[in-house]
Amino acid sequence: MTRSLRPWRERVAETAREMAARGLVRGSSGNVSVRVDDAVLITPTHIPYRYLQARQVVAIDLGGKALSGSGRPSSEWRLHVAIYRARPDVRAIVHAHSPYATAVAVSLPELPVAHDEGGLLFGRAIPVARHAPPGTWDLAHAAVAALGGGNAVLLARHGTVAVGLTLRQALALAEKLEETAQLFFSSRFLG
């Protein structure tokens, strides 16, 4: 790889901080990655995003081997790598633990999309992948199967995944996914 990874590390760190600022995660939960050629730049494990520095973003290959960076890759690196392997069109992934969407992932087999804008982004419903332990290949394969050709999936009893061509797009979809879950709960409450 001849491209400098520095600007990409900065974008990953910035996206992770923005994800936290928008209330989609707390502390160091969730993770963000971007694919650059054959490398995946991913947030490190156990570093709260408000303290995250670009140099701590880890570069791994599509097999999970660390290439560079001062931290250890997120424990969910398998999830990211599996999606990138299955979906060459995906260049960015945001995995969040947003409260409303995660509540759906605990309780329902899918998130019905109740509003028009959500329908344009996600279709009629957002699937929930079968449950598997965090950080495992089993979870990664379950997420890939449920995601299919879509741009979002819920992980049973765990959180959300949004994918896109850019970090900005994946983050926007993660935020819209949480909004869709909030609207679902509000509409159920109001009858």
C-alpha atoms as a PDB file:
ATOM      1  CA  MET A   1       0.000   0.000   0.000  1.00  0.00           C
ATOM      2  CA  THR A   2       1.444   3.321  -1.039  1.00  0.00           C
ATOM      3  CA  ARG A   3      -1.288   5.639   0.237  1.00  0.00           C
ATOM      4  CA  SER A   4      -0.751   7.444   3.514  1.00  0.00           C
ATOM      5  CA  LEU A   5      -3.161   6.198   6.160  1.00  0.00           C
ATOM      6  CA  ARG A   6      -2.833   9.289   8.361  1.00  0.00           C
ATOM      7  CA  PRO A   7      -5.829  11.210   6.942  1.00  0.00           C
ATOM      8  CA  TRP A   8      -7.960   8.057   7.206  1.00  0.00           C
ATOM      9  CA  ARG A   9      -6.945   7.521  10.832  1.00  0.00           C
ATOM     10  CA  GLU A  10      -8.035  11.090  11.560  1.00  0.00           C
ATOM     11  CA  ARG A  11     -11.395  10.510   9.863  1.00  0.00           C
ATOM     12  CA  VAL A  12     -12.014   7.302  11.819  1.00  0.00           C
ATOM     13  CA  ALA A  13     -11.180   9.020  15.132  1.00  0.00           C
ATOM     14  CA  GLU A  14     -13.345  12.023  14.233  1.00  0.00           C
ATOM     15  CA  THR A  15     -16.278   9.763  13.289  1.00  0.00           C
ATOM     16  CA  ALA A  16     -15.972   7.826  16.555  1.00  0.00           C
ATOM     17  CA  ARG A  17     -15.993  11.068  18.562  1.00  0.00           C
ATOM     18  CA  GLU A  18     -19.024  12.283  16.584  1.00  0.00           C
ATOM     19  CA  MET A  19     -20.797   8.957  17.160  1.00  0.00           C
ATOM     20  CA  ALA A  20     -20.352   9.449  20.893  1.00  0.00           C
ATOM     21  CA  ALA A  21     -21.367  13.121  20.745  1.00  0.00           C
ATOM     22  CA  ARG A  22     -24.618  12.134  19.023  1.00  0.00           C
ATOM     23  CA  GLY A  23     -25.446   9.689  21.822  1.00  0.00           C
ATOM     24  CA  LEU A  24     -25.076   6.549  19.737  1.00  0.00           C
ATOM     25  CA  VAL A  25     -22.492   5.087  22.145  1.00  0.00           C
ATOM     26  CA  ARG A  26     -20.997   5.765  25.545  1.00  0.00           C
ATOM     27  CA  GLY A  27     -17.386   5.479  26.626  1.00  0.00           C
ATOM     28  CA  SER A  28     -15.557   3.108  24.298  1.00  0.00           C
ATOM     29  CA  SER A  29     -18.503   0.942  23.246  1.00  0.00           C
ATOM     30  CA  GLY A  30     -19.234   0.425  19.569  1.00  0.00           C
ATOM     31  CA  ASN A  31     -16.615   0.899  16.871  1.00  0.00           C
ATOM     32  CA  VAL A  32     -15.894   2.548  13.539  1.00  0.00           C
ATOM     33  CA  SER A  33     -13.884   1.412  10.544  1.00  0.00           C
ATOM     34  CA  VAL A  34     -13.031   2.377   6.987  1.00  0.00           C
ATOM     35  CA  ARG A  35     -11.567   0.224   4.248  1.00  0.00           C
ATOM     36  CA  VAL A  36      -8.630   1.716   2.338  1.00  0.00           C
ATOM     37  CA  ASP A  37      -7.428  -0.603  -0.417  1.00  0.00           C
ATOM     38  CA  ASP A  38      -6.672  -3.891   1.394  1.00  0.00           C
ATOM     39  CA  ALA A  39      -6.398  -2.338   4.850  1.00  0.00           C
ATOM     40  CA  VAL A  40      -9.104  -1.740   7.427  1.00  0.00           C
ATOM     41  CA  LEU A  41      -8.613   1.167   9.822  1.00  0.00           C
ATOM     42  CA  ILE A  42     -10.586   0.490  12.988  1.00  0.00           C
ATOM     43  CA  THR A  43     -11.024   2.105  16.379  1.00  0.00           C
ATOM     44  CA  PRO A  44      -8.948   0.555  19.150  1.00  0.00           C
ATOM     45  CA  THR A  45     -10.358  -1.347  22.085  1.00  0.00           C
ATOM     46  CA  HIS A  46     -10.916   0.197  25.537  1.00  0.00           C
ATOM     47  CA  ILE A  47     -10.201   3.832  24.680  1.00  0.00           C
ATOM     48  CA  PRO A  48     -13.082   6.233  25.391  1.00  0.00           C
ATOM     49  CA  TYR A  49     -13.746   8.196  22.225  1.00  0.00           C
ATOM     50  CA  ARG A  50     -13.338  11.594  23.842  1.00  0.00           C
ATOM     51  CA  TYR A  51      -9.669  10.666  24.419  1.00  0.00           C
ATOM     52  CA  LEU A  52      -9.106   8.875  21.103  1.00  0.00           C
ATOM     53  CA  GLN A  53      -6.196  10.129  19.029  1.00  0.00           C
ATOM     54  CA  ALA A  54      -5.708   9.359  15.350  1.00  0.00           C
ATOM     55  CA  ARG A  55      -2.409   7.528  15.961  1.00  0.00           C
ATOM     56  CA  GLN A  56      -4.297   4.999  18.119  1.00  0.00           C
ATOM     57  CA  VAL A  57      -6.525   3.908  15.225  1.00  0.00           C
ATOM     58  CA  VAL A  58      -5.336   0.456  14.189  1.00  0.00           C
ATOM     59  CA  ALA A  59      -4.742  -0.737  10.626  1.00  0.00           C
ATOM     60  CA  ILE A  60      -5.432  -4.436  10.054  1.00  0.00           C
ATOM     61  CA  ASP A  61      -5.586  -6.545   6.923  1.00  0.00           C
ATOM     62  CA  LEU A  62      -8.693  -8.453   5.805  1.00  0.00           C
ATOM     63  CA  GLY A  63      -7.486 -11.430   7.841  1.00  0.00           C
ATOM     64  CA  GLY A  64      -7.276  -9.397  11.044  1.00  0.00           C
ATOM     65  CA  LYS A  65      -3.486  -9.110  11.202  1.00  0.00           C
ATOM     66  CA  ALA A  66      -2.356  -5.806  12.743  1.00  0.00           C
ATOM     67  CA  LEU A  67      -0.431  -3.657  10.272  1.00  0.00           C
ATOM     68  CA  SER A  68       0.097  -0.446  12.248  1.00  0.00           C
ATOM     69  CA  GLY A  69      -1.273   1.776  14.988  1.00  0.00           C
ATOM     70  CA  SER A  70      -0.504   2.102  18.665  1.00  0.00           C
ATOM     71  CA  GLY A  71      -3.642   0.429  20.047  1.00  0.00           C
ATOM     72  CA  ARG A  72      -5.214  -3.010  19.806  1.00  0.00           C
ATOM     73  CA  PRO A  73      -8.071  -3.344  17.294  1.00  0.00           C
ATOM     74  CA  SER A  74     -11.636  -3.360  18.549  1.00  0.00           C
ATOM     75  CA  SER A  75     -12.819  -6.752  19.762  1.00  0.00           C
ATOM     76  CA  GLU A  76     -15.395  -6.549  16.950  1.00  0.00           C
ATOM     77  CA  TRP A  77     -12.764  -6.532  14.190  1.00  0.00           C
ATOM     78  CA  ARG A  78     -14.185  -9.859  12.914  1.00  0.00           C
ATOM     79  CA  LEU A  79     -17.572  -8.187  12.334  1.00  0.00           C
ATOM     80  CA  HIS A  80     -15.971  -5.450  10.232  1.00  0.00           C
ATOM     81  CA  VAL A  81     -13.683  -7.771   8.268  1.00  0.00           C
ATOM     82  CA  ALA A  82     -16.535 -10.193   7.504  1.00  0.00           C
ATOM     83  CA  ILE A  83     -18.707  -7.389   6.122  1.00  0.00           C
ATOM     84  CA  TYR A  84     -15.885  -5.996   3.986  1.00  0.00           C
ATOM     85  CA  ARG A  85     -15.147  -9.477   2.599  1.00  0.00           C
ATOM     86  CA  ALA A  86     -18.814 -10.116   1.760  1.00  0.00           C
ATOM     87  CA  ARG A  87     -19.604  -6.627   0.480  1.00  0.00           C
ATOM     88  CA  PRO A  88     -16.932  -5.057  -1.768  1.00  0.00           C
ATOM     89  CA  ASP A  89     -19.271  -2.057  -2.179  1.00  0.00           C
ATOM     90  CA  VAL A  90     -18.973  -1.204   1.534  1.00  0.00           C
ATOM     91  CA  ARG A  91     -16.151   1.167   2.464  1.00  0.00           C
ATOM     92  CA  ALA A  92     -17.222   2.301   5.962  1.00  0.00           C
ATOM     93  CA  ILE A  93     -18.909   0.717   8.984  1.00  0.00           C
ATOM     94  CA  VAL A  94     -20.365   2.233  12.151  1.00  0.00           C
ATOM     95  CA  HIS A  95     -21.285  -0.202  14.919  1.00  0.00           C
ATOM     96  CA  ALA A  96     -23.240   1.542  17.692  1.00  0.00           C
ATOM     97  CA  HIS A  97     -25.070   0.627  20.883  1.00  0.00           C
ATOM     98  CA  SER A  98     -27.775   3.266  20.530  1.00  0.00           C
ATOM     99  CA  PRO A  99     -30.464   2.763  23.192  1.00  0.00           C
ATOM    100  CA  TYR A 100     -33.734   2.608  21.243  1.00  0.00           C
ATOM    101  CA  ALA A 101     -32.415   0.482  18.400  1.00  0.00           C
ATOM    102  CA  THR A 102     -30.675  -1.848  20.837  1.00  0.00           C
ATOM    103  CA  ALA A 103     -33.957  -2.193  22.756  1.00  0.00           C
ATOM    104  CA  VAL A 104     -35.575  -3.350  19.514  1.00  0.00           C
ATOM    105  CA  ALA A 105     -32.702  -5.802  19.005  1.00  0.00           C
ATOM    106  CA  VAL A 106     -33.468  -7.237  22.445  1.00  0.00           C
ATOM    107  CA  SER A 107     -37.216  -7.561  21.889  1.00  0.00           C
ATOM    108  CA  LEU A 108     -38.201  -7.967  18.237  1.00  0.00           C
ATOM    109  CA  PRO A 109     -37.200  -9.985  15.140  1.00  0.00           C
ATOM    110  CA  GLU A 110     -37.048  -6.800  13.043  1.00  0.00           C
ATOM    111  CA  LEU A 111     -37.536  -3.059  13.318  1.00  0.00           C
ATOM    112  CA  PRO A 112     -40.616  -1.986  11.353  1.00  0.00           C
ATOM    113  CA  VAL A 113     -39.977   1.279   9.530  1.00  0.00           C
ATOM    114  CA  ALA A 114     -42.968   3.508  10.256  1.00  0.00           C
ATOM    115  CA  HIS A 115     -42.065   6.742   8.470  1.00  0.00           C
ATOM    116  CA  ASP A 116     -41.508   7.670   4.832  1.00  0.00           C
ATOM    117  CA  GLU A 117     -37.918   8.915   5.110  1.00  0.00           C
ATOM    118  CA  GLY A 118     -36.885   5.748   6.933  1.00  0.00           C
ATOM    119  CA  GLY A 119     -38.583   3.696   4.251  1.00  0.00           C
ATOM    120  CA  LEU A 120     -36.503   5.395   1.572  1.00  0.00           C
ATOM    121  CA  LEU A 121     -33.310   4.580   3.479  1.00  0.00           C
ATOM    122  CA  PHE A 122     -34.066   1.140   4.898  1.00  0.00           C
ATOM    123  CA  GLY A 123     -37.106  -0.321   3.189  1.00  0.00           C
ATOM    124  CA  ARG A 124     -40.070  -1.681   5.167  1.00  0.00           C
ATOM    125  CA  ALA A 125     -38.058  -3.183   8.037  1.00  0.00           C
ATOM    126  CA  ILE A 126     -34.526  -3.477   9.371  1.00  0.00           C
ATOM    127  CA  PRO A 127     -33.582  -7.091  10.154  1.00  0.00           C
ATOM    128  CA  VAL A 128     -32.247  -8.363  13.462  1.00  0.00           C
ATOM    129  CA  ALA A 129     -29.373 -10.853  13.120  1.00  0.00           C
ATOM    130  CA  ARG A 130     -29.562 -13.983  15.240  1.00  0.00           C
ATOM    131  CA  HIS A 131     -27.850 -13.759  18.602  1.00  0.00           C
ATOM    132  CA  ALA A 132     -24.191 -14.718  18.895  1.00  0.00           C
ATOM    133  CA  PRO A 133     -21.510 -13.818  21.448  1.00  0.00           C
ATOM    134  CA  PRO A 134     -19.798 -10.439  20.933  1.00  0.00           C
ATOM    135  CA  GLY A 135     -16.443 -10.415  19.193  1.00  0.00           C
ATOM    136  CA  THR A 136     -16.879 -13.831  17.563  1.00  0.00           C
ATOM    137  CA  TRP A 137     -16.884 -15.102  14.011  1.00  0.00           C
ATOM    138  CA  ASP A 138     -20.351 -16.457  14.775  1.00  0.00           C
ATOM    139  CA  LEU A 139     -21.607 -12.901  15.348  1.00  0.00           C
ATOM    140  CA  ALA A 140     -19.791 -11.681  12.244  1.00  0.00           C
ATOM    141  CA  HIS A 141     -21.402 -14.350  10.040  1.00  0.00           C
ATOM    142  CA  ALA A 142     -24.856 -13.754  11.555  1.00  0.00           C
ATOM    143  CA  ALA A 143     -24.549 -10.022  10.836  1.00  0.00           C
ATOM    144  CA  VAL A 144     -23.420 -10.587   7.240  1.00  0.00           C
ATOM    145  CA  ALA A 145     -26.325 -12.998   6.609  1.00  0.00           C
ATOM    146  CA  ALA A 146     -28.939 -10.611   8.032  1.00  0.00           C
ATOM    147  CA  LEU A 147     -27.429  -7.522   6.378  1.00  0.00           C
ATOM    148  CA  GLY A 148     -27.497  -9.069   2.908  1.00  0.00           C
ATOM    149  CA  GLY A 149     -27.377  -6.230   0.383  1.00  0.00           C
ATOM    150  CA  GLY A 150     -28.879  -3.694   2.800  1.00  0.00           C
ATOM    151  CA  ASN A 151     -27.287  -0.784   4.611  1.00  0.00           C
ATOM    152  CA  ALA A 152     -28.257  -1.555   8.228  1.00  0.00           C
ATOM    153  CA  VAL A 153     -28.790  -4.456  10.572  1.00  0.00           C
ATOM    154  CA  LEU A 154     -29.533  -4.877  14.263  1.00  0.00           C
ATOM    155  CA  LEU A 155     -27.508  -7.370  16.288  1.00  0.00           C
ATOM    156  CA  ALA A 156     -29.725  -9.335  18.681  1.00  0.00           C
ATOM    157  CA  ARG A 157     -29.206  -8.213  22.295  1.00  0.00           C
ATOM    158  CA  HIS A 158     -26.217  -6.151  21.204  1.00  0.00           C
ATOM    159  CA  GLY A 159     -26.533  -3.062  18.985  1.00  0.00           C
ATOM    160  CA  THR A 160     -26.569  -1.795  15.421  1.00  0.00           C
ATOM    161  CA  VAL A 161     -24.463  -1.816  12.280  1.00  0.00           C
ATOM    162  CA  ALA A 162     -24.731   0.751   9.485  1.00  0.00           C
ATOM    163  CA  VAL A 163     -22.631   0.565   6.322  1.00  0.00           C
ATOM    164  CA  GLY A 164     -21.870   2.991   3.532  1.00  0.00           C
ATOM    165  CA  LEU A 165     -19.475   4.251   0.920  1.00  0.00           C
ATOM    166  CA  THR A 166     -18.094   6.856   3.327  1.00  0.00           C
ATOM    167  CA  LEU A 167     -17.753   7.294   7.074  1.00  0.00           C
ATOM    168  CA  ARG A 168     -20.121  10.256   6.895  1.00  0.00           C
ATOM    169  CA  GLN A 169     -22.770   8.149   5.158  1.00  0.00           C
ATOM    170  CA  ALA A 170     -22.430   5.226   7.599  1.00  0.00           C
ATOM    171  CA  LEU A 171     -22.678   7.595  10.574  1.00  0.00           C
ATOM    172  CA  ALA A 172     -25.736   9.330   9.120  1.00  0.00           C
ATOM    173  CA  LEU A 173     -27.410   5.954   8.607  1.00  0.00           C
ATOM    174  CA  ALA A 174     -26.580   4.905  12.173  1.00  0.00           C
ATOM    175  CA  GLU A 175     -28.216   8.075  13.438  1.00  0.00           C
ATOM    176  CA  LYS A 176     -31.280   7.563  11.198  1.00  0.00           C
ATOM    177  CA  LEU A 177     -31.525   3.986  12.434  1.00  0.00           C
ATOM    178  CA  GLU A 178     -31.753   5.231  16.018  1.00  0.00           C
ATOM    179  CA  GLU A 179     -34.329   7.844  14.970  1.00  0.00           C
ATOM    180  CA  THR A 180     -36.359   5.111  13.256  1.00  0.00           C
ATOM    181  CA  ALA A 181     -36.344   3.086  16.477  1.00  0.00           C
ATOM    182  CA  GLN A 182     -37.382   6.140  18.518  1.00  0.00           C
ATOM    183  CA  LEU A 183     -40.269   6.820  16.141  1.00  0.00           C
ATOM    184  CA  PHE A 184     -41.326   3.177  16.324  1.00  0.00           C
ATOM    185  CA  PHE A 185     -41.473   3.287  20.134  1.00  0.00           C
ATOM    186  CA  SER A 186     -43.265   6.645  20.139  1.00  0.00           C
ATOM    187  CA  SER A 187     -45.865   5.454  17.629  1.00  0.00           C
ATOM    188  CA  ARG A 188     -46.504   2.310  19.695  1.00  0.00           C
ATOM    189  CA  PHE A 189     -46.880   4.378  22.854  1.00  0.00           C
ATOM    190  CA  LEU A 190     -49.325   6.769  21.194  1.00  0.00           C
ATOM    191  CA  GLY A 191     -51.307   3.894  19.719  1.00  0.00           C
END
